[in-house]
Amino acid sequence: MAKPTTVKIRLVSTADTGFFYVTKKNSRNMTGKMVQRKYDPVARKHVEFKEAKIK
C-alpha cells in the first residue's frame, strides 16, 4: 500500500490551555511543522497553534 498524501495532525495551543484543533495536512507539500494563528476559546483570544502528533 502507498503512503497517504494527507495525514491527520493535532494543532495544540501555545497558551497552555490544553485546547487543540484536529486537521489534515499534505505531508508532501508541507514538510515542516505546521504553525497557524487561530482562536483559543479557553484563553478567549487568538494565539499560535503548533503541530503535534495524534496519539
Protein backbone atom coordinates (compact mmCIF):
# COMPACT_ATOMS: atom_id res chain seq x y z
CA MET A 1 0.00 0.00 0.00
CA ALA A 2 1.12 3.51 -0.78
CA LYS A 3 1.57 6.08 1.96
CA PRO A 4 -1.35 8.57 2.01
CA THR A 5 -0.58 12.14 0.97
CA THR A 6 -2.69 13.73 3.71
CA VAL A 7 -2.18 12.92 7.36
CA LYS A 8 -4.26 13.94 10.38
CA ILE A 9 -2.45 16.26 12.78
CA ARG A 10 -3.28 17.98 16.03
CA LEU A 11 -2.79 21.75 16.44
CA VAL A 12 -2.09 22.43 20.13
CA SER A 13 -2.46 25.88 21.66
CA THR A 14 0.73 27.64 22.78
CA ALA A 15 -1.25 29.38 25.55
CA ASP A 16 -1.02 26.10 27.55
CA THR A 17 -4.79 25.78 27.90
CA GLY A 18 -4.87 22.24 26.56
CA PHE A 19 -7.19 23.22 23.71
CA PHE A 20 -6.46 21.72 20.28
CA TYR A 21 -7.81 21.51 16.74
CA VAL A 22 -7.65 18.39 14.55
CA THR A 23 -6.89 19.00 10.88
CA LYS A 24 -5.24 17.43 7.85
CA LYS A 25 -2.09 18.46 6.06
CA ASN A 26 -0.44 17.39 2.83
CA SER A 27 2.87 15.91 4.01
CA ARG A 28 4.43 16.13 0.53
CA ASN A 29 3.91 19.89 0.16
CA MET A 30 4.38 20.93 3.81
CA THR A 31 7.40 19.02 5.05
CA GLY A 32 7.96 21.14 8.17
CA LYS A 33 5.84 21.55 11.29
CA MET A 34 2.60 23.46 10.76
CA VAL A 35 2.01 26.66 12.76
CA GLN A 36 -1.25 28.60 12.50
CA ARG A 37 -2.76 31.53 14.35
CA LYS A 38 -6.27 30.53 15.46
CA TYR A 39 -8.83 31.30 18.15
CA ASP A 40 -8.47 29.66 21.56
CA PRO A 41 -11.87 29.75 23.33
CA VAL A 42 -10.34 28.89 26.72
CA ALA A 43 -7.93 31.86 26.61
CA ARG A 44 -10.57 33.85 24.66
CA LYS A 45 -8.08 35.28 22.15
CA HIS A 46 -6.13 34.37 19.02
CA VAL A 47 -2.89 32.51 19.71
CA GLU A 48 -0.45 30.37 17.74
CA PHE A 49 -1.17 26.67 17.43
CA LYS A 50 1.70 24.27 16.75
CA GLU A 51 1.57 20.81 15.21
CA ALA A 52 1.67 17.69 17.38
CA LYS A 53 1.04 14.01 16.68
CA ILE A 54 -2.35 12.43 17.24
CA LYS A 55 -1.96 9.67 19.81
